[in-house]
Each structure stands twice: as structure tokens, then as C-alpha cells.
């Protein structure tokens, strides 16, 4: 799009020299969010979420336990039972993985990991799973990470940032004008100000 020799910007500016080029507003917002998530605490929380998603998705047996935990423990209205790994570059795709993780975090994920580490405490999920030592060790490690203050604070801040999903999607609409975009941004800014005051 922005190539100096054969990009769309160059071709248009040859015909209309006064035309100005600027990046897509949604793309710029995405870049800003990805940059803000380069803070070490956020990177650690994102890494933990991704590792846990892969931990369950790479094993049918572990995924079956998570499915059972969702069925038995989860009180949320969500029908999600499979974690998804977060996309490194696209913020909108990260939001879905955070949302699913949050919906399952306190009940199903925690119960599944605890059942792997301490199967006798979770007879409602079954005790005959026969977990290997590596699974038990990793489950204990994930439980420790999920309960750390650094993870909890970082993850909740990431959850607040998911309020930008609607804005990102609105900024990507085909028929958007400057006034609509400005109003959408103003609405999100006022929501953040309200959250900060609370």
C-alpha cells in the first residue's frame, strides 16, 4: 500500500498530488496496543495464557478433562470449552483468546489443573486419569503462575483493554466517516475514564 515506487499511495499521488496517505486507523490502534503489551508483566501473562492453551490443546486426554470440568464446574453462560492460543500480531484475535480464558479461568481451568496435580481432591472429575510426572509438574507450575499477583493484575488490565475490540472493528468498517470514528473513540475514552475513577 505505501511502497515508494509501485505502492497504491504512489500511484494515487501521481494522479492527485495533494492526496495524503495515512495508515488505517484500526491498524494504528493495533500497533499501539501490541506495543503497549511489550511490557514485561503483560508479556509474561500472555505467554502463560498461550502455554496453558497449548498444554490442553496438544493432548486429547487433557482436553477431555477440561471439557469435563467445563461441564461440571463452569457456571458461566459461555459455550466455550476449548482454549485458543493468542495471535502475536493481531489484537482483535488476542481478545477472543483472553475472553475465553477469563470465562473458564476461575472454575474449569483451575479445577482441571488442580485435578492433574491433586487427583484425589477432585473425585467429581474422576481419579483414574493416570497423569504422568511431566503433566503433574507442569499443572503445578501453571497453578502457581495463575495465582501470582503479577499475573492476576496483568491479566485484568489486559481484560480491560479488550474494551477496544468494538472500536477496532468499527474502525475497520468500509463505510466509516471521520465523525463516526471520532464519536466511537470518544465513547471508549469516556469508558476508560469512568473505569479509572471507579
N, C-alpha and C. Protein backbone atom coordinates (compact mmCIF):
# COMPACT_ATOMS: atom_id res chain seq x y z
N UNK A 1 0.81 -1.21 0.00
CA UNK A 1 0.00 0.00 0.00
C UNK A 1 0.85 1.27 0.00
N UNK A 2 1.94 1.26 0.78
CA UNK A 2 2.69 2.51 0.95
C UNK A 2 4.03 2.51 0.21
N UNK A 3 4.23 1.56 -0.70
CA UNK A 3 5.50 1.48 -1.40
C UNK A 3 5.84 2.77 -2.15
N UNK A 4 7.12 3.15 -2.10
CA UNK A 4 7.55 4.42 -2.70
C UNK A 4 7.56 4.39 -4.22
N UNK A 5 7.67 3.19 -4.83
CA UNK A 5 7.75 3.11 -6.30
C UNK A 5 6.47 2.61 -6.93
N UNK A 6 5.90 1.52 -6.40
CA UNK A 6 4.72 0.96 -7.04
C UNK A 6 3.56 0.73 -6.08
N UNK A 7 3.64 1.36 -4.92
CA UNK A 7 2.55 1.21 -3.95
C UNK A 7 1.32 1.99 -4.36
N UNK A 8 0.20 1.63 -3.79
CA UNK A 8 -1.08 2.29 -4.07
C UNK A 8 -0.99 3.79 -3.80
N UNK A 9 -0.30 4.15 -2.70
CA UNK A 9 -0.12 5.56 -2.34
C UNK A 9 0.58 6.33 -3.45
N UNK A 10 1.64 5.76 -4.00
CA UNK A 10 2.43 6.42 -5.04
C UNK A 10 1.62 6.59 -6.32
N UNK A 11 0.87 5.56 -6.68
CA UNK A 11 0.06 5.61 -7.91
C UNK A 11 -1.01 6.70 -7.78
N UNK A 12 -1.67 6.76 -6.64
CA UNK A 12 -2.72 7.76 -6.43
C UNK A 12 -2.12 9.17 -6.40
N UNK A 13 -0.97 9.33 -5.74
CA UNK A 13 -0.37 10.65 -5.63
C UNK A 13 0.18 11.16 -6.97
N UNK A 14 0.45 10.27 -7.91
CA UNK A 14 0.84 10.71 -9.26
C UNK A 14 -0.34 11.39 -9.94
N UNK A 15 -1.53 10.84 -9.72
CA UNK A 15 -2.74 11.40 -10.33
C UNK A 15 -3.29 12.58 -9.52
N UNK A 16 -3.14 12.50 -8.19
CA UNK A 16 -3.67 13.55 -7.31
C UNK A 16 -2.59 13.91 -6.29
N UNK A 17 -1.68 14.82 -6.64
CA UNK A 17 -0.53 15.14 -5.79
C UNK A 17 -0.89 15.65 -4.39
N UNK A 18 -2.08 16.21 -4.22
CA UNK A 18 -2.47 16.72 -2.91
C UNK A 18 -3.07 15.65 -1.99
N UNK A 19 -3.29 14.45 -2.54
CA UNK A 19 -3.84 13.36 -1.73
C UNK A 19 -2.85 13.00 -0.63
N UNK A 20 -3.36 12.82 0.58
CA UNK A 20 -2.50 12.49 1.72
C UNK A 20 -2.65 11.02 2.06
N UNK A 21 -1.54 10.40 2.40
CA UNK A 21 -1.56 8.99 2.80
C UNK A 21 -1.44 8.90 4.32
N UNK A 22 -2.26 8.06 4.92
CA UNK A 22 -2.10 7.75 6.33
C UNK A 22 -2.54 6.31 6.55
N UNK A 23 -1.95 5.70 7.56
CA UNK A 23 -2.28 4.30 7.87
C UNK A 23 -3.73 4.17 8.30
N UNK A 24 -4.26 2.99 8.08
CA UNK A 24 -5.60 2.64 8.57
C UNK A 24 -5.64 2.89 10.08
N UNK A 25 -6.69 3.54 10.55
CA UNK A 25 -6.80 3.86 11.98
C UNK A 25 -6.83 2.59 12.83
N UNK A 26 -7.49 1.54 12.35
CA UNK A 26 -7.54 0.29 13.10
C UNK A 26 -6.14 -0.33 13.18
N UNK A 27 -5.38 -0.21 12.09
CA UNK A 27 -4.02 -0.75 12.08
C UNK A 27 -3.14 0.01 13.07
N UNK A 28 -3.29 1.33 13.11
CA UNK A 28 -2.50 2.14 14.05
C UNK A 28 -2.87 1.81 15.49
N UNK A 29 -4.16 1.61 15.75
CA UNK A 29 -4.60 1.22 17.09
C UNK A 29 -4.00 -0.14 17.44
N UNK A 30 -4.03 -1.07 16.50
CA UNK A 30 -3.46 -2.39 16.71
C UNK A 30 -1.97 -2.28 17.05
N UNK A 31 -1.23 -1.45 16.29
CA UNK A 31 0.20 -1.27 16.56
C UNK A 31 0.44 -0.70 17.95
N UNK A 32 -0.40 0.27 18.35
CA UNK A 32 -0.25 0.87 19.68
C UNK A 32 -0.51 -0.15 20.78
N UNK A 33 -1.52 -0.99 20.60
CA UNK A 33 -1.85 -2.00 21.61
C UNK A 33 -0.77 -3.06 21.70
N UNK A 34 -0.29 -3.51 20.54
CA UNK A 34 0.78 -4.52 20.54
C UNK A 34 2.02 -3.94 21.22
N UNK A 35 2.31 -2.67 20.95
CA UNK A 35 3.46 -2.03 21.58
C UNK A 35 3.28 -1.92 23.09
N UNK A 36 2.08 -1.58 23.54
CA UNK A 36 1.84 -1.45 24.98
C UNK A 36 1.94 -2.80 25.68
N UNK A 37 1.67 -3.87 24.96
CA UNK A 37 1.76 -5.20 25.55
C UNK A 37 3.18 -5.74 25.57
N UNK A 38 4.15 -4.90 25.18
CA UNK A 38 5.54 -5.35 25.24
C UNK A 38 6.12 -5.16 26.64
N UNK A 39 5.32 -4.60 27.56
CA UNK A 39 5.73 -4.50 28.96
C UNK A 39 5.89 -5.92 29.51
N UNK A 40 6.96 -6.15 30.26
CA UNK A 40 7.32 -7.50 30.69
C UNK A 40 6.19 -8.24 31.40
N UNK A 41 5.48 -7.56 32.29
CA UNK A 41 4.39 -8.23 33.03
C UNK A 41 3.30 -8.71 32.07
N UNK A 42 2.96 -7.89 31.07
CA UNK A 42 1.95 -8.29 30.09
C UNK A 42 2.45 -9.44 29.23
N UNK A 43 3.72 -9.36 28.83
CA UNK A 43 4.28 -10.44 28.01
C UNK A 43 4.27 -11.76 28.78
N UNK A 44 4.56 -11.70 30.06
CA UNK A 44 4.55 -12.91 30.88
C UNK A 44 3.14 -13.49 30.99
N UNK A 45 2.16 -12.60 31.20
CA UNK A 45 0.77 -13.07 31.30
C UNK A 45 0.32 -13.67 29.97
N UNK A 46 0.63 -13.00 28.86
CA UNK A 46 0.27 -13.53 27.54
C UNK A 46 0.95 -14.87 27.27
N UNK A 47 2.21 -14.97 27.67
CA UNK A 47 2.95 -16.21 27.48
C UNK A 47 2.31 -17.34 28.28
N UNK A 48 1.91 -17.04 29.51
CA UNK A 48 1.26 -18.04 30.36
C UNK A 48 -0.05 -18.52 29.74
N UNK A 49 -0.84 -17.58 29.24
CA UNK A 49 -2.11 -17.92 28.60
C UNK A 49 -1.87 -18.84 27.40
N UNK A 50 -0.89 -18.48 26.58
CA UNK A 50 -0.57 -19.29 25.40
C UNK A 50 -0.08 -20.68 25.77
N UNK A 51 0.78 -20.75 26.79
CA UNK A 51 1.32 -22.06 27.21
C UNK A 51 0.20 -22.95 27.74
N UNK A 52 -0.71 -22.38 28.50
CA UNK A 52 -1.82 -23.18 29.03
C UNK A 52 -2.74 -23.64 27.90
N UNK A 53 -2.99 -22.76 26.93
CA UNK A 53 -3.83 -23.15 25.78
C UNK A 53 -3.18 -24.31 25.03
N UNK A 54 -1.88 -24.23 24.81
CA UNK A 54 -1.19 -25.33 24.11
C UNK A 54 -1.13 -26.58 24.97
N UNK A 55 -0.97 -26.42 26.28
CA UNK A 55 -0.92 -27.55 27.21
C UNK A 55 -2.18 -28.40 27.07
N UNK A 56 -3.33 -27.75 26.98
CA UNK A 56 -4.58 -28.50 26.83
C UNK A 56 -4.80 -28.96 25.39
N UNK A 57 -4.54 -28.11 24.42
CA UNK A 57 -4.87 -28.47 23.04
C UNK A 57 -3.94 -29.53 22.44
N UNK A 58 -2.73 -29.67 22.97
CA UNK A 58 -1.80 -30.67 22.42
C UNK A 58 -2.02 -32.06 22.98
N UNK A 59 -2.99 -32.21 23.87
CA UNK A 59 -3.27 -33.52 24.46
C UNK A 59 -4.78 -33.74 24.51
N UNK A 60 -5.24 -34.77 23.82
CA UNK A 60 -6.67 -35.08 23.82
C UNK A 60 -7.15 -35.45 25.22
N UNK A 61 -6.30 -36.11 25.98
CA UNK A 61 -6.67 -36.52 27.34
C UNK A 61 -6.86 -35.30 28.24
N UNK A 62 -5.93 -34.34 28.16
CA UNK A 62 -6.06 -33.13 28.97
C UNK A 62 -7.27 -32.31 28.53
N UNK A 63 -7.53 -32.27 27.20
CA UNK A 63 -8.69 -31.54 26.70
C UNK A 63 -9.99 -32.18 27.18
N UNK A 64 -10.01 -33.52 27.25
CA UNK A 64 -11.21 -34.21 27.77
C UNK A 64 -11.46 -33.84 29.23
N UNK A 65 -10.38 -33.72 30.02
CA UNK A 65 -10.54 -33.31 31.41
C UNK A 65 -11.09 -31.88 31.48
N UNK A 66 -10.57 -31.00 30.64
CA UNK A 66 -11.08 -29.62 30.62
C UNK A 66 -12.55 -29.60 30.21
N UNK A 67 -12.93 -30.41 29.21
CA UNK A 67 -14.33 -30.50 28.80
C UNK A 67 -15.22 -30.93 29.97
N UNK A 68 -14.73 -31.94 30.71
CA UNK A 68 -15.50 -32.42 31.85
C UNK A 68 -15.59 -31.35 32.93
N UNK A 69 -14.50 -30.62 33.17
CA UNK A 69 -14.51 -29.56 34.17
C UNK A 69 -15.46 -28.44 33.77
N UNK A 70 -15.51 -28.11 32.47
CA UNK A 70 -16.45 -27.09 32.00
C UNK A 70 -17.88 -27.55 32.27
N UNK A 71 -18.13 -28.82 32.00
CA UNK A 71 -19.47 -29.39 32.20
C UNK A 71 -19.86 -29.40 33.68
N UNK A 72 -18.93 -29.76 34.55
CA UNK A 72 -19.23 -29.92 35.98
C UNK A 72 -19.13 -28.62 36.76
N UNK A 73 -18.07 -27.83 36.48
CA UNK A 73 -17.74 -26.68 37.33
C UNK A 73 -18.20 -25.33 36.82
N UNK A 74 -18.24 -25.16 35.52
CA UNK A 74 -18.46 -23.82 34.98
C UNK A 74 -19.89 -23.36 35.19
N UNK A 75 -20.02 -22.15 35.73
CA UNK A 75 -21.35 -21.58 35.93
C UNK A 75 -21.63 -20.49 34.90
N UNK A 76 -20.65 -20.21 34.01
CA UNK A 76 -20.85 -19.14 33.03
C UNK A 76 -21.77 -19.61 31.91
N UNK A 77 -22.34 -18.67 31.21
CA UNK A 77 -23.24 -18.96 30.10
C UNK A 77 -22.47 -19.33 28.83
N UNK A 78 -21.18 -19.18 28.85
CA UNK A 78 -20.36 -19.43 27.67
C UNK A 78 -20.42 -20.89 27.25
N UNK A 79 -20.43 -21.10 25.95
CA UNK A 79 -20.38 -22.46 25.43
C UNK A 79 -18.95 -22.85 25.07
N UNK A 80 -18.00 -21.94 25.32
CA UNK A 80 -16.60 -22.22 25.00
C UNK A 80 -16.06 -23.28 25.93
N UNK A 81 -15.36 -24.25 25.37
CA UNK A 81 -14.72 -25.25 26.21
C UNK A 81 -13.30 -25.54 25.73
N UNK A 82 -12.87 -24.85 24.70
CA UNK A 82 -11.53 -25.06 24.17
C UNK A 82 -10.79 -23.74 24.15
N UNK A 83 -9.63 -23.71 24.80
CA UNK A 83 -8.81 -22.51 24.81
C UNK A 83 -8.18 -22.31 23.44
N UNK A 84 -7.95 -21.07 23.06
CA UNK A 84 -7.26 -20.81 21.81
C UNK A 84 -6.01 -19.99 22.10
N UNK A 85 -4.96 -20.30 21.37
CA UNK A 85 -3.69 -19.59 21.53
C UNK A 85 -3.85 -18.18 20.99
N UNK A 86 -3.20 -17.22 21.62
CA UNK A 86 -3.35 -15.83 21.19
C UNK A 86 -2.42 -15.52 20.03
N UNK A 87 -2.93 -14.71 19.12
CA UNK A 87 -2.16 -14.28 17.95
C UNK A 87 -1.14 -13.23 18.40
N UNK A 88 0.07 -13.33 17.91
CA UNK A 88 1.14 -12.42 18.34
C UNK A 88 0.92 -11.02 17.79
N UNK A 89 0.42 -10.90 16.56
CA UNK A 89 0.39 -9.60 15.91
C UNK A 89 -0.97 -8.92 15.87
N UNK A 90 -2.07 -9.66 15.86
CA UNK A 90 -3.39 -9.04 15.70
C UNK A 90 -4.12 -8.98 17.03
N UNK A 91 -4.38 -7.76 17.49
CA UNK A 91 -5.01 -7.56 18.78
C UNK A 91 -6.41 -8.14 18.85
N UNK A 92 -7.20 -7.97 17.80
CA UNK A 92 -8.59 -8.45 17.82
C UNK A 92 -8.63 -9.96 18.04
N UNK A 93 -7.68 -10.68 17.45
CA UNK A 93 -7.65 -12.13 17.64
C UNK A 93 -7.17 -12.50 19.04
N UNK A 94 -6.35 -11.66 19.65
CA UNK A 94 -5.93 -11.92 21.03
C UNK A 94 -7.12 -11.80 21.98
N UNK A 95 -7.99 -10.85 21.70
CA UNK A 95 -9.11 -10.57 22.59
C UNK A 95 -9.97 -11.82 22.78
N UNK A 96 -10.22 -12.53 21.69
CA UNK A 96 -11.05 -13.73 21.80
C UNK A 96 -10.40 -14.76 22.72
N UNK A 97 -9.08 -14.93 22.58
CA UNK A 97 -8.41 -15.91 23.44
C UNK A 97 -8.45 -15.47 24.90
N UNK A 98 -8.32 -14.15 25.18
CA UNK A 98 -8.40 -13.66 26.55
C UNK A 98 -9.79 -13.85 27.12
N UNK A 99 -10.80 -13.58 26.29
CA UNK A 99 -12.18 -13.69 26.76
C UNK A 99 -12.52 -15.13 27.13
N UNK A 100 -12.15 -16.06 26.27
CA UNK A 100 -12.41 -17.48 26.56
C UNK A 100 -11.65 -17.90 27.81
N UNK A 101 -10.40 -17.47 27.91
CA UNK A 101 -9.58 -17.82 29.08
C UNK A 101 -10.24 -17.30 30.35
N UNK A 102 -10.71 -16.06 30.32
CA UNK A 102 -11.33 -15.47 31.50
C UNK A 102 -12.62 -16.19 31.87
N UNK A 103 -13.41 -16.56 30.87
CA UNK A 103 -14.66 -17.27 31.14
C UNK A 103 -14.42 -18.61 31.82
N UNK A 104 -13.30 -19.26 31.48
CA UNK A 104 -13.01 -20.59 32.02
C UNK A 104 -12.01 -20.59 33.17
N UNK A 105 -11.36 -19.44 33.41
CA UNK A 105 -10.21 -19.40 34.32
C UNK A 105 -10.51 -19.89 35.73
N UNK A 106 -11.42 -19.23 36.41
CA UNK A 106 -11.59 -19.50 37.83
C UNK A 106 -12.18 -20.87 38.12
N UNK A 107 -12.98 -21.37 37.22
CA UNK A 107 -13.62 -22.64 37.51
C UNK A 107 -12.96 -23.80 36.77
N UNK A 108 -13.17 -23.86 35.48
CA UNK A 108 -12.78 -25.05 34.73
C UNK A 108 -11.27 -25.23 34.59
N UNK A 109 -10.55 -24.17 34.20
CA UNK A 109 -9.10 -24.32 34.01
C UNK A 109 -8.44 -24.63 35.34
N UNK A 110 -8.78 -23.85 36.36
CA UNK A 110 -8.17 -24.06 37.68
C UNK A 110 -8.49 -25.46 38.20
N UNK A 111 -9.73 -25.89 38.06
CA UNK A 111 -10.13 -27.23 38.53
C UNK A 111 -9.40 -28.32 37.76
N UNK A 112 -9.26 -28.14 36.44
CA UNK A 112 -8.56 -29.14 35.63
C UNK A 112 -7.10 -29.26 36.04
N UNK A 113 -6.43 -28.13 36.18
CA UNK A 113 -5.03 -28.16 36.58
C UNK A 113 -4.86 -28.74 37.98
N UNK A 114 -5.77 -28.37 38.89
CA UNK A 114 -5.69 -28.89 40.25
C UNK A 114 -5.99 -30.40 40.28
N UNK A 115 -6.89 -30.85 39.40
CA UNK A 115 -7.20 -32.29 39.33
C UNK A 115 -6.01 -33.08 38.79
N UNK A 116 -5.21 -32.46 37.92
CA UNK A 116 -4.00 -33.14 37.44
C UNK A 116 -2.95 -33.22 38.55
N UNK A 117 -2.83 -32.14 39.32
CA UNK A 117 -1.83 -32.09 40.38
C UNK A 117 -2.26 -32.86 41.63
N UNK A 118 -3.56 -32.82 41.93
CA UNK A 118 -4.09 -33.48 43.14
C UNK A 118 -5.38 -34.22 42.79
N UNK A 119 -5.28 -35.35 42.09
CA UNK A 119 -6.50 -36.03 41.60
C UNK A 119 -7.46 -36.48 42.70
N UNK A 120 -6.97 -36.77 43.89
CA UNK A 120 -7.86 -37.26 44.95
C UNK A 120 -8.78 -36.17 45.50
N UNK A 121 -8.43 -34.91 45.25
CA UNK A 121 -9.26 -33.80 45.73
C UNK A 121 -10.41 -33.49 44.77
N UNK A 122 -10.40 -34.09 43.60
CA UNK A 122 -11.41 -33.78 42.58
C UNK A 122 -12.07 -35.06 42.07
N UNK A 123 -12.73 -35.76 42.97
CA UNK A 123 -13.38 -37.01 42.59
C UNK A 123 -14.51 -36.79 41.60
N UNK A 124 -15.08 -35.58 41.58
CA UNK A 124 -16.16 -35.28 40.64
C UNK A 124 -15.67 -35.26 39.20
N UNK A 125 -14.36 -35.09 39.01
CA UNK A 125 -13.78 -35.11 37.66
C UNK A 125 -13.16 -36.46 37.32
N UNK A 126 -13.20 -37.39 38.26
CA UNK A 126 -12.64 -38.71 38.04
C UNK A 126 -11.20 -38.77 38.54
N UNK A 127 -10.82 -39.92 39.07
CA UNK A 127 -9.47 -40.07 39.61
C UNK A 127 -8.64 -41.08 38.84
N UNK A 128 -9.19 -41.63 37.78
CA UNK A 128 -8.49 -42.69 37.05
C UNK A 128 -7.79 -42.18 35.79
N UNK A 129 -7.37 -40.93 35.79
CA UNK A 129 -6.75 -40.36 34.60
C UNK A 129 -5.32 -40.86 34.41
N UNK A 130 -4.61 -41.13 35.46
CA UNK A 130 -3.25 -41.66 35.36
C UNK A 130 -2.27 -40.67 34.72
N UNK A 131 -2.13 -39.49 35.31
CA UNK A 131 -1.27 -38.47 34.73
C UNK A 131 0.20 -38.82 34.94
N UNK A 132 1.00 -38.52 33.92
CA UNK A 132 2.44 -38.75 34.03
C UNK A 132 3.08 -37.62 34.85
N UNK A 133 4.33 -37.83 35.26
CA UNK A 133 5.03 -36.86 36.11
C UNK A 133 5.18 -35.49 35.48
N UNK A 134 5.43 -35.44 34.16
CA UNK A 134 5.60 -34.15 33.49
C UNK A 134 4.30 -33.35 33.52
N UNK A 135 3.17 -34.01 33.29
CA UNK A 135 1.88 -33.33 33.31
C UNK A 135 1.59 -32.77 34.71
N UNK A 136 1.86 -33.58 35.74
CA UNK A 136 1.63 -33.14 37.12
C UNK A 136 2.51 -31.93 37.45
N UNK A 137 3.78 -31.98 37.05
CA UNK A 137 4.71 -30.88 37.32
C UNK A 137 4.28 -29.61 36.61
N UNK A 138 3.93 -29.74 35.33
CA UNK A 138 3.50 -28.56 34.57
C UNK A 138 2.19 -27.99 35.11
N UNK A 139 1.25 -28.86 35.50
CA UNK A 139 -0.02 -28.39 36.07
C UNK A 139 0.24 -27.60 37.35
N UNK A 140 1.14 -28.10 38.21
CA UNK A 140 1.50 -27.37 39.44
C UNK A 140 2.12 -26.01 39.11
N UNK A 141 2.99 -25.98 38.10
CA UNK A 141 3.61 -24.72 37.69
C UNK A 141 2.59 -23.72 37.19
N UNK A 142 1.63 -24.19 36.39
CA UNK A 142 0.58 -23.29 35.89
C UNK A 142 -0.29 -22.76 37.02
N UNK A 143 -0.62 -23.63 37.98
CA UNK A 143 -1.42 -23.18 39.13
C UNK A 143 -0.69 -22.07 39.88
N UNK A 144 0.62 -22.24 40.06
CA UNK A 144 1.41 -21.23 40.74
C UNK A 144 1.39 -19.92 39.97
N UNK A 145 1.55 -19.99 38.65
CA UNK A 145 1.53 -18.78 37.82
C UNK A 145 0.18 -18.08 37.87
N UNK A 146 -0.90 -18.85 37.77
CA UNK A 146 -2.25 -18.27 37.76
C UNK A 146 -2.59 -17.57 39.07
N UNK A 147 -1.95 -17.97 40.15
CA UNK A 147 -2.25 -17.37 41.45
C UNK A 147 -1.29 -16.25 41.82
N UNK A 148 -0.30 -15.99 40.97
CA UNK A 148 0.67 -14.94 41.30
C UNK A 148 0.03 -13.56 41.10
N UNK A 149 0.32 -12.63 42.00
CA UNK A 149 -0.25 -11.28 41.88
C UNK A 149 0.10 -10.61 40.54
N UNK A 150 1.31 -10.83 40.07
CA UNK A 150 1.73 -10.23 38.80
C UNK A 150 0.84 -10.68 37.65
N UNK A 151 0.54 -11.98 37.59
CA UNK A 151 -0.33 -12.50 36.53
C UNK A 151 -1.74 -11.93 36.68
N UNK A 152 -2.26 -11.96 37.90
CA UNK A 152 -3.65 -11.53 38.11
C UNK A 152 -3.84 -10.06 37.72
N UNK A 153 -2.92 -9.20 38.14
CA UNK A 153 -3.05 -7.78 37.81
C UNK A 153 -2.89 -7.57 36.31
N UNK A 154 -1.86 -8.19 35.72
CA UNK A 154 -1.63 -8.02 34.28
C UNK A 154 -2.80 -8.53 33.46
N UNK A 155 -3.33 -9.69 33.84
CA UNK A 155 -4.42 -10.26 33.08
C UNK A 155 -5.67 -9.40 33.17
N UNK A 156 -5.95 -8.84 34.34
CA UNK A 156 -7.13 -7.99 34.46
C UNK A 156 -6.96 -6.68 33.69
N UNK A 157 -5.76 -6.17 33.60
CA UNK A 157 -5.52 -4.99 32.77
C UNK A 157 -5.73 -5.35 31.30
N UNK A 158 -5.24 -6.52 30.89
CA UNK A 158 -5.47 -6.97 29.51
C UNK A 158 -6.97 -7.12 29.24
N UNK A 159 -7.70 -7.60 30.24
CA UNK A 159 -9.15 -7.74 30.08
C UNK A 159 -9.82 -6.38 29.88
N UNK A 160 -9.35 -5.37 30.61
CA UNK A 160 -9.90 -4.02 30.43
C UNK A 160 -9.61 -3.53 29.02
N UNK A 161 -8.43 -3.86 28.52
CA UNK A 161 -8.06 -3.42 27.18
C UNK A 161 -8.91 -4.08 26.10
N UNK A 162 -9.59 -5.16 26.45
CA UNK A 162 -10.46 -5.81 25.46
C UNK A 162 -11.66 -4.94 25.11
N UNK A 163 -11.89 -3.88 25.90
CA UNK A 163 -12.95 -2.93 25.55
C UNK A 163 -12.69 -2.27 24.20
N UNK A 164 -11.46 -2.38 23.73
CA UNK A 164 -11.11 -1.77 22.45
C UNK A 164 -11.49 -2.64 21.25
N UNK A 165 -12.02 -3.83 21.51
CA UNK A 165 -12.40 -4.71 20.40
C UNK A 165 -13.45 -4.07 19.50
N UNK A 166 -14.52 -3.56 20.10
CA UNK A 166 -15.58 -2.94 19.31
C UNK A 166 -15.06 -1.75 18.51
N UNK A 167 -14.20 -0.96 19.15
CA UNK A 167 -13.63 0.19 18.46
C UNK A 167 -12.80 -0.26 17.26
N UNK A 168 -11.98 -1.28 17.45
CA UNK A 168 -11.15 -1.79 16.35
C UNK A 168 -12.02 -2.26 15.20
N UNK A 169 -13.09 -2.98 15.53
CA UNK A 169 -13.97 -3.47 14.47
C UNK A 169 -14.70 -2.33 13.77
N UNK A 170 -15.09 -1.31 14.53
CA UNK A 170 -15.77 -0.15 13.91
C UNK A 170 -14.82 0.60 12.98
N UNK A 171 -13.56 0.72 13.38
CA UNK A 171 -12.59 1.44 12.56
C UNK A 171 -12.25 0.68 11.27
N UNK A 172 -12.60 -0.60 11.21
CA UNK A 172 -12.33 -1.40 10.02
C UNK A 172 -13.53 -1.44 9.06
N UNK A 173 -14.63 -0.82 9.43
CA UNK A 173 -15.81 -0.84 8.57
C UNK A 173 -15.53 -0.11 7.26
N UNK A 174 -16.18 -0.56 6.20
CA UNK A 174 -15.99 0.08 4.90
C UNK A 174 -16.59 1.47 4.85
N UNK A 175 -17.78 1.63 5.35
CA UNK A 175 -18.47 2.91 5.24
C UNK A 175 -18.36 3.69 6.54
N UNK A 176 -17.15 4.07 6.90
CA UNK A 176 -16.94 4.83 8.13
C UNK A 176 -16.46 6.23 7.75
N UNK A 177 -16.98 7.23 8.47
CA UNK A 177 -16.50 8.59 8.22
C UNK A 177 -15.80 9.11 9.47
N UNK A 178 -15.20 10.26 9.37
CA UNK A 178 -14.38 10.81 10.45
C UNK A 178 -15.23 11.09 11.70
N UNK A 179 -16.43 11.57 11.52
CA UNK A 179 -17.28 11.91 12.67
C UNK A 179 -17.68 10.64 13.42
N UNK A 180 -18.04 9.59 12.68
CA UNK A 180 -18.41 8.32 13.32
C UNK A 180 -17.21 7.77 14.10
N UNK A 181 -16.04 7.80 13.48
CA UNK A 181 -14.82 7.30 14.13
C UNK A 181 -14.52 8.12 15.39
N UNK A 182 -14.63 9.44 15.29
CA UNK A 182 -14.36 10.31 16.43
C UNK A 182 -15.32 10.00 17.58
N UNK A 183 -16.60 9.82 17.27
CA UNK A 183 -17.59 9.51 18.31
C UNK A 183 -17.31 8.16 18.96
N UNK A 184 -16.90 7.18 18.14
CA UNK A 184 -16.58 5.85 18.68
C UNK A 184 -15.38 5.92 19.62
N UNK A 185 -14.36 6.69 19.23
CA UNK A 185 -13.17 6.85 20.06
C UNK A 185 -13.51 7.59 21.34
N UNK A 186 -14.30 8.65 21.25
CA UNK A 186 -14.70 9.43 22.42
C UNK A 186 -15.46 8.56 23.42
N UNK A 187 -16.31 7.68 22.91
CA UNK A 187 -17.07 6.78 23.78
C UNK A 187 -16.14 5.86 24.57
N UNK A 188 -15.13 5.30 23.88
CA UNK A 188 -14.19 4.40 24.56
C UNK A 188 -13.35 5.17 25.58
N UNK A 189 -12.92 6.37 25.23
CA UNK A 189 -12.13 7.19 26.16
C UNK A 189 -12.95 7.49 27.42
N UNK A 190 -14.22 7.82 27.26
CA UNK A 190 -15.05 8.11 28.44
C UNK A 190 -15.25 6.85 29.29
N UNK A 191 -15.34 5.69 28.65
CA UNK A 191 -15.46 4.43 29.39
C UNK A 191 -14.20 4.18 30.22
N UNK A 192 -13.03 4.42 29.62
CA UNK A 192 -11.77 4.24 30.35
C UNK A 192 -11.66 5.24 31.50
N UNK A 193 -12.09 6.48 31.29
CA UNK A 193 -12.05 7.48 32.36
C UNK A 193 -12.96 7.06 33.52
N UNK A 194 -14.12 6.52 33.18
CA UNK A 194 -15.05 6.06 34.20
C UNK A 194 -14.46 4.91 35.00
N UNK A 195 -13.82 3.97 34.30
CA UNK A 195 -13.18 2.84 34.98
C UNK A 195 -12.06 3.31 35.89
N UNK A 196 -11.29 4.28 35.42
CA UNK A 196 -10.18 4.79 36.22
C UNK A 196 -10.70 5.46 37.50
N UNK A 197 -11.81 6.19 37.41
CA UNK A 197 -12.37 6.86 38.58
C UNK A 197 -12.93 5.87 39.58
N UNK A 198 -13.45 4.75 39.08
CA UNK A 198 -14.02 3.74 39.98
C UNK A 198 -12.91 3.00 40.70
